[in-house]
């Protein structure tokens, strides 16, 4: 059967149906304790979700159905993550993945409970996909898509000016030493206190990706000539800077930035590349990309032996690269460290599995406390300076579920179980949909410009793609706060210039 026929076969049934088909194998693995059953389920889940996501590429409307895309992404990431870890254990480390699970966090995690966690996540994603198919949400997403696509008719000179301004702002932050490795070099940032401009900065980077993609789409419409070559040079420089900024955020954000560029280029060009060509391109780029991943892992782990990596990126990255390239033995050691890291790091459902495994008498559900406290935490400090009295994330989790005392991977599905148990499968997807509905409905009601809508979509894109599996509840409220910031800024600008920028 041709790949095109697979696309039609996949999309002839609703997304929630396909996500639901990934859960039986995990239920059997939960009951039986057989790892190979989980491997089969993960292989099926990975295949069907990748095909579903691939099928929407090039269709702008389907590409902005964020809730449905988020459900598919969550299911795909969990299954691909398990498959990656299982393959590394089986063929590279020659050890049982059960041993790694048993040693994770506080220790004692049984494989069967990890399988139950993936089963839980599968049901969570199914409900999310079903609710995200609501007609009101769909109509609002269609209007959002139409409005953003109108930006393709923006004069390319205007677009270039915007990109140059963004580039200048971001480059100035790098040169001044404000951008650090996995941090922002500013007073009290590590203590959770953020200056006002950080909201502005964190909103601009994802928007920069979409504008880069728009530049590619518009440049492809120009005739071959000097102007087109200059624009390609601008895109290349802009792309490298964005990639550098995301590299300093970590391995996952860097991968996200690459995928996001490709995703939005397909969105604005209404184009889906040949699957085989994508595979060939990945094979060609893999040697370089693998070295970047090794270096990123070195910056996070091995590099701490040679320098303080919590400093300015413009100072630390060149020194770290020089140290990284200083000996082949160091590179070989980092390859081993990275392999070991990739054997366990993808097992992000571990905290949820431990919560499920914890005997009933030792755990107490939060019953909405984390949602409330996270909403309070997102209020700007000058407005409500007492928000530190409302604990969130690990601080609150470990009071109710004593599964450890260290930093752990936050996620909505973890919070959903910690708050409402198995009932969280239904409650928390509504939380995601409500936030997205607020953004969509206000964008329509307030008649926001296409540019502001682009920024709004870019703010939430990371949360819907990767953050759905590794971002805290607080991150969603903070993103909603950023959206309100841009709405207010937009209306202030209309008052000053007496004309709305479309």
Foldseek 3Di string as FASTA:
>chain_A
DDLVVVLVVLVVDALLVQLLVLQPLLLCCLVPVDVVSLLVSLVSLQVSLVSPVLSCQLPQLVLLLLLLNLLSLQSNLLSVLSNLLCCLCVPPVVHDLQVVLQPPFVGHFGPSLLSVLSSLSSLLSSLSSVVSVDPVNSVLSVVLSVQLLVCLPPPLVVLLVVLVVLVVVLVVLQVVLQQAQQFGPDPCVVVVADDPCVLVNLLVLLLSLLSLLSLVQNLVVDDDDDVSVVSVVSSVVSLVSSLLSQLSNADVSNVVSVVSSVRSNSNNNSDRDDPVVVVVVCVVCVVVVVVSNLLRQCLVPVVVVPDDRRTGCSPPVVVSVCVCPVDPVSSVVSVVVVSVCSSNVSSQSSLVSLQVVPDPVQADAQQCLQVVLLLLSLPRCVVPVPSVVRDHDPVVQCVGRVRHDDDGFAALSSNLCSHPNSVSSNVSSVVVVVLSSVLSVCCVVVVAHSSLSSSLSSLCNCCSNPVNRGNHSSSSSNSSVSNVVSVVVQVVVCVVVVDHDD
